[in-house]
Amino acid sequence: MLSGRVILGAFAAAFLGPIASGHAAGMTLGPGPQAVRVQWAADSAFSQRQLDDPKAQAPEVQPRVPNPLPAPVKKKARSTASLRGRWESGLSVRGYYDDNILDYSQRDLDHFKSRTHLNKFALETTDDWVNDLGGDIGRRWGSRSRHEYRVRLSADVHWYARNKIKNWVDYAAEGRWARRKTTLIAHLGWTPHFYVRELQARNIPRQYPASPAYRAAEYHAWSANLEYRFQFALPLEHRLSAGWKRTNYGHVFDERSNSTYWAEYGWQVPLTAEWSTSWSYRFASVLADGRNLPANSVDISRGEHTLQAGLEYDSPHSPFGAALAVAYERQDFTSSKPTDSDHYGRHDDEVRIVPEIRLALSGGWRYKLFYQWTHETSNSKQTADFGAFSDNQLGLRAAHTF
């Protein structure tokens, strides 16, 4: 575990260093013309947590960017600049401390500390400092008063200071169309490799009579989703989205390969000139390949219900902002195999709370200090899979728009 002084010192250096360099280059405090730009990500304010992806994107309240009232339409030829389009790019760096990187239960954390059942672990430590580096490049044509089109390619690299086995990369492609009070977003994602944890393997002889065989559970995944945002007469923005994700494991854990289908509805409304609130509900159905395998096989199929509420403060007269997101998720496993003791009749409940503080600098720089607390309970008292756990993350994100 890192000491409190080391963590605070790292945050101070990470937070004050870029700000100092920005002032040295002539930056000023204030929102500026591009302090808050429309979010490229087609993800909702939270992303579902899956057993095969315990470190999914943290719940987050998105900056409010209300659609402006359209100006009177005048019949005139489109400008040459709108036809040619313009390039856009961005860069973000995030660093955070995670005290439970694989969401181990307290029992497994005790096993790791006592050096018992070591065949279940392939980690140097159960906590770590995590670094994320993201970049994107895209092009935009037209204007919102008529028709605006955007395309974007992005990549996000995640690496761990001490546990290199957890490093992974995400790739994405996105297209966006907008006109006045309507936005349509199509998103494709690709994760070529993701390490889950050491899990008990099926149909592999035990190495020792009293110790089950454990293997590294890894997968690659594709995802696609479509999102539609619109406004009525009131300044209430609605969001409808649906998506699909295919997760493929290797032959050792082929029963865990699954297809996920989900749908979501959410809305966001300004309360005052500075405050806004958002709500959303998502239902997901996870259909695992194990449901069609023999009765003694693992079946992680389940239904997921997720509710999230968000509150945001963003003043046009101040460079500082704040947000709070609270999410609750219920997972009901649908395994019909009594021999699958880890999932038969099981249900989990998870709560996530994410407060954050934001700072916007002129010139396109934005900073965010965040904390995430996750707590999950399960009626499965003893499981070789994911179960009850607690996790804390504390970090800083810096982003720049070019």
Protein backbone atom coordinates (compact mmCIF):
# COMPACT_ATOMS: atom_id res chain seq x y z
CA MET A 1 0.00 0.00 0.00
CA LEU A 2 1.19 3.50 -0.75
CA SER A 3 1.42 5.80 2.21
CA GLY A 4 -0.83 8.84 2.47
CA ARG A 5 2.11 11.24 2.12
CA VAL A 6 3.30 9.58 -1.08
CA ILE A 7 -0.21 9.76 -2.61
CA LEU A 8 -0.72 13.42 -1.64
CA GLY A 9 2.73 14.32 -2.90
CA ALA A 10 2.09 12.66 -6.24
CA PHE A 11 -1.21 14.50 -6.61
CA ALA A 12 0.35 17.84 -5.75
CA ALA A 13 3.08 17.35 -8.35
CA ALA A 14 0.67 16.11 -11.02
CA PHE A 15 -1.85 18.88 -10.41
CA LEU A 16 0.35 21.93 -9.85
CA GLY A 17 3.01 21.10 -12.44
CA PRO A 18 0.89 21.47 -15.61
CA ILE A 19 -0.89 24.51 -14.19
CA ALA A 20 2.40 26.23 -13.45
CA SER A 21 3.70 25.43 -16.93
CA GLY A 22 0.44 26.72 -18.41
CA HIS A 23 0.75 30.10 -16.64
CA ALA A 24 4.35 30.32 -17.70
CA ALA A 25 3.16 29.97 -21.30
CA GLY A 26 0.68 32.81 -20.83
CA MET A 27 -2.52 30.94 -19.91
CA THR A 28 -5.26 32.62 -17.93
CA LEU A 29 -7.95 31.23 -15.67
CA GLY A 30 -11.44 31.15 -17.07
CA PRO A 31 -13.69 29.02 -19.16
CA GLY A 32 -12.63 30.55 -22.47
CA PRO A 33 -14.38 29.88 -25.77
CA GLN A 34 -13.49 26.17 -25.80
CA ALA A 35 -13.36 25.39 -22.09
CA VAL A 36 -16.22 22.92 -22.41
CA ARG A 37 -16.63 21.14 -25.72
CA VAL A 38 -19.21 18.62 -26.75
CA GLN A 39 -18.20 15.16 -25.51
CA TRP A 40 -17.09 12.84 -28.26
CA ALA A 41 -17.75 9.63 -26.33
CA ALA A 42 -20.94 7.80 -27.25
CA ASP A 43 -20.96 6.14 -23.83
CA SER A 44 -23.63 7.14 -21.36
CA ALA A 45 -22.90 8.79 -18.05
CA PHE A 46 -22.01 5.38 -16.69
CA SER A 47 -20.90 2.13 -18.27
CA GLN A 48 -22.09 -1.26 -17.15
CA ARG A 49 -19.78 -3.27 -14.95
CA GLN A 50 -19.35 -6.84 -16.17
CA LEU A 51 -17.76 -9.85 -14.52
CA ASP A 52 -15.38 -10.01 -17.46
CA ASP A 53 -14.53 -6.29 -17.22
CA PRO A 54 -14.45 -5.18 -13.57
CA LYS A 55 -12.57 -1.98 -14.34
CA ALA A 56 -15.06 -0.52 -16.78
CA GLN A 57 -15.28 3.22 -17.18
CA ALA A 58 -16.19 4.95 -13.92
CA PRO A 59 -19.62 6.61 -13.68
CA GLU A 60 -19.28 10.23 -14.64
CA VAL A 61 -21.54 13.24 -14.98
CA GLN A 62 -20.96 14.65 -18.45
CA PRO A 63 -20.49 18.44 -18.81
CA ARG A 64 -23.74 20.10 -19.79
CA VAL A 65 -23.68 21.49 -23.31
CA PRO A 66 -27.28 22.52 -24.06
CA ASN A 67 -28.26 22.83 -27.68
CA PRO A 68 -28.61 26.54 -28.54
CA LEU A 69 -31.76 27.89 -30.12
CA PRO A 70 -31.33 27.89 -33.89
CA ALA A 71 -30.80 31.22 -35.58
CA PRO A 72 -33.24 32.28 -38.29
CA VAL A 73 -32.42 30.35 -41.41
CA LYS A 74 -31.34 32.53 -44.29
CA LYS A 75 -31.04 31.24 -47.79
CA LYS A 76 -27.40 31.51 -48.66
CA ALA A 77 -24.68 29.35 -50.09
CA ARG A 78 -22.61 27.27 -47.72
CA SER A 79 -19.20 28.66 -46.94
CA THR A 80 -16.15 27.07 -48.49
CA ALA A 81 -14.75 26.40 -44.98
CA SER A 82 -17.87 24.39 -44.01
CA LEU A 83 -17.56 22.27 -47.13
CA ARG A 84 -13.87 21.59 -46.58
CA GLY A 85 -14.34 20.81 -42.90
CA ARG A 86 -11.75 21.18 -40.17
CA TRP A 87 -9.57 18.83 -38.16
CA GLU A 88 -9.97 18.36 -34.42
CA SER A 89 -7.82 16.46 -31.94
CA GLY A 90 -7.50 15.93 -28.22
CA LEU A 91 -5.14 14.44 -25.65
CA SER A 92 -5.89 13.33 -22.10
CA VAL A 93 -3.74 11.94 -19.29
CA ARG A 94 -5.18 10.34 -16.18
CA GLY A 95 -3.36 8.95 -13.17
CA TYR A 96 -5.02 7.38 -10.15
CA TYR A 97 -4.35 5.13 -7.20
CA ASP A 98 -6.49 1.96 -7.00
CA ASP A 99 -6.44 -0.03 -3.77
CA ASN A 100 -8.03 -3.17 -5.29
CA ILE A 101 -7.22 -3.42 -8.99
CA LEU A 102 -8.94 -6.80 -9.55
CA ASP A 103 -11.90 -6.26 -7.21
CA TYR A 104 -10.87 -9.09 -4.88
CA SER A 105 -13.10 -10.06 -1.99
CA GLN A 106 -11.79 -9.57 1.52
CA ARG A 107 -11.15 -13.31 1.71
CA ASP A 108 -8.93 -13.21 -1.37
CA LEU A 109 -7.12 -10.11 -0.12
CA ASP A 110 -6.37 -11.97 3.12
CA HIS A 111 -5.12 -14.97 1.15
CA PHE A 112 -2.80 -12.73 -0.84
CA LYS A 113 -1.41 -11.03 2.27
CA SER A 114 -0.88 -14.32 4.08
CA ARG A 115 0.70 -15.91 0.98
CA THR A 116 -1.80 -18.77 0.96
CA HIS A 117 -3.50 -20.14 -2.19
CA LEU A 118 -0.89 -18.35 -4.29
CA ASN A 119 -1.96 -20.29 -7.38
CA LYS A 120 -4.92 -17.87 -7.53
CA PHE A 121 -2.71 -14.80 -7.96
CA ALA A 122 -0.43 -13.54 -10.72
CA LEU A 123 0.05 -10.05 -9.26
CA GLU A 124 2.91 -8.26 -7.59
CA THR A 125 0.46 -6.29 -5.44
CA THR A 126 -3.32 -6.05 -5.17
CA ASP A 127 -3.12 -2.23 -5.31
CA ASP A 128 -1.35 -0.09 -7.90
CA TRP A 129 -0.90 3.30 -9.51
CA VAL A 130 -2.66 3.33 -12.90
CA ASN A 131 -1.87 5.62 -15.83
CA ASP A 132 -4.23 6.22 -18.75
CA LEU A 133 -3.18 8.04 -21.93
CA GLY A 134 -5.87 8.82 -24.48
CA GLY A 135 -5.72 10.52 -27.86
CA ASP A 136 -8.18 11.19 -30.65
CA ILE A 137 -8.27 12.80 -34.08
CA GLY A 138 -11.33 13.68 -36.09
CA ARG A 139 -12.86 15.92 -38.69
CA ARG A 140 -15.97 18.09 -38.65
CA TRP A 141 -18.08 19.49 -41.48
CA GLY A 142 -21.04 21.89 -41.60
CA SER A 143 -22.71 23.77 -38.75
CA ARG A 144 -25.32 22.83 -36.19
CA SER A 145 -27.86 25.33 -37.53
CA ARG A 146 -27.97 23.22 -40.69
CA HIS A 147 -26.29 19.82 -40.58
CA GLU A 148 -23.08 19.01 -38.75
CA TYR A 149 -21.07 15.83 -39.34
CA ARG A 150 -18.13 14.50 -37.31
CA VAL A 151 -15.93 11.43 -37.47
CA ARG A 152 -13.29 10.41 -34.95
CA LEU A 153 -10.68 7.73 -34.26
CA SER A 154 -9.28 7.27 -30.76
CA ALA A 155 -7.05 5.05 -28.64
CA ASP A 156 -6.65 4.74 -24.87
CA VAL A 157 -3.62 3.06 -23.29
CA HIS A 158 -3.89 1.80 -19.70
CA TRP A 159 -0.74 0.73 -17.89
CA TYR A 160 0.03 -0.22 -14.30
CA ALA A 161 3.14 0.77 -12.37
CA ARG A 162 3.81 -2.68 -10.85
CA ASN A 163 1.39 -5.17 -12.40
CA LYS A 164 2.22 -5.20 -16.11
CA ILE A 165 -0.08 -8.17 -16.67
CA LYS A 166 -3.02 -5.75 -16.35
CA ASN A 167 -1.96 -3.37 -19.17
CA TRP A 168 -4.43 -3.03 -22.02
CA VAL A 169 -5.45 -0.78 -24.96
CA ASP A 170 -8.89 0.32 -26.21
CA TYR A 171 -9.59 1.51 -29.78
CA ALA A 172 -12.72 3.28 -31.00
CA ALA A 173 -14.29 4.80 -34.10
CA GLU A 174 -17.23 7.17 -34.02
CA GLY A 175 -19.56 9.08 -36.31
CA ARG A 176 -21.85 11.91 -35.24
CA TRP A 177 -24.63 13.86 -36.96
CA ALA A 178 -26.28 16.90 -35.37
CA ARG A 179 -28.91 19.43 -36.37
CA ARG A 180 -30.37 21.99 -34.01
CA LYS A 181 -31.90 19.98 -31.13
CA THR A 182 -31.08 16.51 -32.42
CA THR A 183 -27.89 14.42 -32.28
CA LEU A 184 -27.24 10.90 -33.56
CA ILE A 185 -24.06 9.03 -32.54
CA ALA A 186 -22.71 5.67 -33.77
CA HIS A 187 -19.79 4.10 -31.88
CA LEU A 188 -17.56 1.06 -32.47
CA GLY A 189 -15.05 -0.26 -29.90
CA TRP A 190 -12.29 -2.88 -29.95
CA THR A 191 -10.25 -4.28 -27.06
CA PRO A 192 -7.61 -6.72 -28.41
CA HIS A 193 -6.55 -8.06 -25.00
CA PHE A 194 -7.80 -7.79 -21.42
CA TYR A 195 -6.57 -9.74 -18.38
CA VAL A 196 -9.37 -10.60 -15.94
CA ARG A 197 -7.67 -12.62 -13.16
CA GLU A 198 -6.62 -16.19 -12.37
CA LEU A 199 -9.74 -18.38 -12.40
CA GLN A 200 -10.40 -22.05 -11.81
CA ALA A 201 -10.28 -23.77 -15.17
CA ARG A 202 -12.91 -26.22 -16.37
CA ASN A 203 -11.98 -29.70 -17.69
CA ILE A 204 -8.31 -29.43 -16.67
CA PRO A 205 -6.90 -32.06 -14.26
CA ARG A 206 -5.93 -30.74 -10.86
CA GLN A 207 -2.24 -30.13 -10.37
CA TYR A 208 -2.45 -31.38 -6.79
CA PRO A 209 -5.23 -33.30 -5.03
CA ALA A 210 -6.07 -30.42 -2.67
CA SER A 211 -5.52 -27.53 -5.10
CA PRO A 212 -7.66 -26.74 -8.17
CA ALA A 213 -5.99 -25.70 -11.39
CA TYR A 214 -6.01 -21.96 -12.03
CA ARG A 215 -5.28 -20.29 -15.36
CA ALA A 216 -5.11 -16.71 -16.60
CA ALA A 217 -8.54 -15.65 -17.86
CA GLU A 218 -8.11 -13.27 -20.82
CA TYR A 219 -10.37 -12.09 -23.61
CA HIS A 220 -10.77 -9.78 -26.60
CA ALA A 221 -13.99 -7.84 -27.27
CA TRP A 222 -15.96 -5.91 -29.89
CA SER A 223 -18.71 -3.43 -29.08
CA ALA A 224 -21.16 -1.25 -30.98
CA ASN A 225 -23.84 1.17 -29.87
CA LEU A 226 -26.18 3.80 -31.27
CA GLU A 227 -27.32 6.85 -29.32
CA TYR A 228 -30.03 9.42 -30.07
CA ARG A 229 -30.27 12.73 -28.19
CA PHE A 230 -33.09 15.21 -28.62
CA GLN A 231 -34.85 18.16 -26.97
CA PHE A 232 -38.49 19.24 -26.79
CA ALA A 233 -39.69 22.78 -26.11
CA LEU A 234 -38.34 22.66 -22.57
CA PRO A 235 -34.54 22.61 -21.98
CA LEU A 236 -34.79 18.91 -21.18
CA GLU A 237 -32.39 16.72 -23.16
CA HIS A 238 -33.41 13.09 -23.62
CA ARG A 239 -31.05 10.24 -24.48
CA LEU A 240 -32.00 6.88 -25.99
CA SER A 241 -29.27 4.34 -26.68
CA ALA A 242 -28.83 0.65 -27.40
CA GLY A 243 -25.74 -1.48 -27.85
CA TRP A 244 -24.09 -4.85 -28.21
CA LYS A 245 -20.80 -6.30 -27.01
CA ARG A 246 -19.15 -9.60 -27.87
CA THR A 247 -16.53 -10.95 -25.46
CA ASN A 248 -14.41 -13.92 -26.54
CA TYR A 249 -12.22 -15.91 -24.16
CA GLY A 250 -9.64 -18.54 -25.09
CA HIS A 251 -10.47 -22.23 -25.27
CA VAL A 252 -9.73 -22.78 -21.57
CA PHE A 253 -12.59 -20.46 -20.56
CA ASP A 254 -14.79 -20.69 -23.65
CA GLU A 255 -17.87 -21.09 -21.44
CA ARG A 256 -17.38 -17.46 -20.30
CA SER A 257 -17.54 -16.02 -23.82
CA ASN A 258 -20.73 -13.98 -24.01
CA SER A 259 -22.87 -11.53 -25.94
CA THR A 260 -24.35 -8.54 -24.13
CA TYR A 261 -27.38 -6.57 -25.34
CA TRP A 262 -28.43 -3.40 -23.57
CA ALA A 263 -30.81 -0.45 -23.84
CA GLU A 264 -30.86 2.82 -21.91
CA TYR A 265 -32.97 5.90 -21.40
CA GLY A 266 -31.75 9.06 -19.68
CA TRP A 267 -32.39 12.75 -19.44
CA GLN A 268 -30.61 15.89 -18.31
CA VAL A 269 -32.17 19.20 -17.33
CA PRO A 270 -30.73 22.54 -16.12
CA LEU A 271 -31.99 23.63 -12.70
CA THR A 272 -30.42 27.10 -12.82
CA ALA A 273 -27.82 28.82 -14.96
CA GLU A 274 -25.12 26.90 -13.05
CA TRP A 275 -26.76 23.69 -11.80
CA SER A 276 -28.10 20.73 -13.74
CA THR A 277 -29.24 17.22 -12.91
CA SER A 278 -29.42 13.95 -14.85
CA TRP A 279 -31.08 10.53 -14.45
CA SER A 280 -30.79 7.32 -16.41
CA TYR A 281 -31.84 3.68 -16.40
CA ARG A 282 -30.17 0.81 -18.25
CA PHE A 283 -31.11 -2.82 -18.71
CA ALA A 284 -28.59 -5.35 -20.03
CA SER A 285 -28.89 -9.03 -20.84
CA VAL A 286 -25.68 -11.07 -20.78
CA LEU A 287 -25.96 -14.40 -22.62
CA ALA A 288 -22.94 -16.63 -21.92
CA ASP A 289 -21.91 -19.59 -24.05
CA GLY A 290 -21.84 -21.73 -20.90
CA ARG A 291 -25.65 -21.85 -20.80
CA ASN A 292 -25.57 -24.32 -23.72
CA LEU A 293 -22.75 -26.49 -22.35
CA PRO A 294 -23.06 -29.53 -20.03
CA ALA A 295 -24.77 -29.15 -16.67
CA ASN A 296 -21.52 -29.04 -14.70
CA SER A 297 -20.31 -26.01 -16.68
CA VAL A 298 -20.06 -22.40 -15.50
CA ASP A 299 -22.87 -20.08 -16.67
CA ILE A 300 -22.33 -16.37 -16.01
CA SER A 301 -25.51 -15.32 -17.87
CA ARG A 302 -27.40 -12.60 -16.03
CA GLY A 303 -29.68 -9.60 -16.26
CA GLU A 304 -28.51 -6.19 -15.08
CA HIS A 305 -30.55 -3.18 -13.96
CA THR A 306 -28.64 0.07 -13.42
CA LEU A 307 -29.91 3.40 -12.12
CA GLN A 308 -27.81 6.56 -11.99
CA ALA A 309 -28.38 10.10 -10.76
CA GLY A 310 -26.03 13.02 -11.38
CA LEU A 311 -25.70 16.59 -10.15
CA GLU A 312 -23.39 19.14 -11.78
CA TYR A 313 -22.24 22.69 -11.10
CA ASP A 314 -20.77 24.58 -14.07
CA SER A 315 -20.75 28.38 -14.00
CA PRO A 316 -19.86 30.44 -17.10
CA HIS A 317 -18.32 33.01 -14.76
CA SER A 318 -15.93 30.68 -12.93
CA PRO A 319 -13.18 28.28 -14.08
CA PHE A 320 -14.19 25.82 -11.34
CA GLY A 321 -16.90 23.19 -11.57
CA ALA A 322 -18.05 20.16 -9.63
CA ALA A 323 -20.11 17.03 -10.19
CA LEU A 324 -21.47 14.06 -8.28
CA ALA A 325 -22.62 10.73 -9.77
CA VAL A 326 -24.33 7.94 -7.82
CA ALA A 327 -25.13 4.59 -9.44
CA TYR A 328 -26.85 1.43 -8.25
CA GLU A 329 -26.67 -1.85 -10.16
CA ARG A 330 -28.52 -5.13 -9.58
CA GLN A 331 -27.24 -8.33 -11.21
CA ASP A 332 -29.55 -11.38 -11.28
CA PHE A 333 -27.82 -14.53 -12.51
CA THR A 334 -29.93 -16.86 -14.62
CA SER A 335 -27.91 -20.07 -14.38
CA SER A 336 -30.20 -23.12 -14.36
CA LYS A 337 -27.42 -25.51 -13.29
CA PRO A 338 -27.45 -26.43 -9.57
CA THR A 339 -23.90 -27.76 -9.97
CA ASP A 340 -22.76 -24.20 -10.84
CA SER A 341 -22.49 -23.18 -7.19
CA ASP A 342 -20.84 -19.84 -8.04
CA HIS A 343 -23.82 -18.53 -10.04
CA TYR A 344 -26.93 -20.67 -9.46
CA GLY A 345 -29.54 -18.56 -7.64
CA ARG A 346 -27.05 -15.71 -7.19
CA HIS A 347 -27.66 -11.98 -7.20
CA ASP A 348 -25.28 -9.07 -6.59
CA ASP A 349 -25.90 -5.45 -5.60
CA GLU A 350 -23.38 -2.72 -6.37
CA VAL A 351 -23.19 0.98 -5.41
CA ARG A 352 -20.80 3.50 -6.96
CA ILE A 353 -20.27 7.10 -5.82
CA VAL A 354 -18.05 9.47 -7.81
CA PRO A 355 -17.48 13.10 -6.73
CA GLU A 356 -15.19 15.29 -8.81
CA ILE A 357 -13.83 18.84 -8.98
CA ARG A 358 -13.05 20.49 -12.33
CA LEU A 359 -10.84 23.33 -13.44
CA ALA A 360 -10.89 24.87 -16.94
CA LEU A 361 -8.06 27.03 -18.31
CA SER A 362 -8.13 29.17 -21.40
CA GLY A 363 -6.29 27.58 -24.28
CA GLY A 364 -8.16 24.28 -24.11
CA TRP A 365 -6.74 22.84 -20.86
CA ARG A 366 -9.10 21.08 -18.46
CA TYR A 367 -8.35 19.31 -15.16
CA LYS A 368 -10.43 16.99 -13.03
CA LEU A 369 -9.75 15.66 -9.53
CA PHE A 370 -11.92 12.64 -8.82
CA TYR A 371 -12.63 9.92 -6.28
CA GLN A 372 -14.58 6.71 -6.84
CA TRP A 373 -15.96 4.40 -4.18
CA THR A 374 -17.41 1.04 -5.24
CA HIS A 375 -19.02 -1.49 -2.91
CA GLU A 376 -20.64 -4.76 -3.95
CA THR A 377 -22.50 -7.35 -1.93
CA SER A 378 -23.57 -10.83 -3.00
CA ASN A 379 -25.77 -13.60 -1.61
CA SER A 380 -23.05 -16.03 -2.71
CA LYS A 381 -21.10 -16.53 0.50
CA GLN A 382 -18.17 -18.35 -1.07
CA THR A 383 -17.34 -18.05 -4.74
CA ALA A 384 -14.32 -18.59 -6.97
CA ASP A 385 -15.66 -15.82 -9.18
CA PHE A 386 -16.24 -12.12 -8.55
CA GLY A 387 -18.27 -11.50 -5.44
CA ALA A 388 -18.51 -9.04 -2.58
CA PHE A 389 -15.73 -6.44 -2.65
CA SER A 390 -14.85 -2.80 -1.97
CA ASP A 391 -12.68 -0.57 -4.12
CA ASN A 392 -11.35 2.99 -3.85
CA GLN A 393 -9.81 5.11 -6.60
CA LEU A 394 -8.34 8.60 -6.27
CA GLY A 395 -6.77 10.45 -9.16
CA LEU A 396 -6.34 13.40 -11.51
CA ARG A 397 -7.17 13.81 -15.19
CA ALA A 398 -5.77 16.47 -17.51
CA ALA A 399 -7.10 17.00 -21.04
CA HIS A 400 -6.29 19.39 -23.88
CA THR A 401 -8.27 20.20 -27.01
CA PHE A 402 -6.37 21.23 -30.12
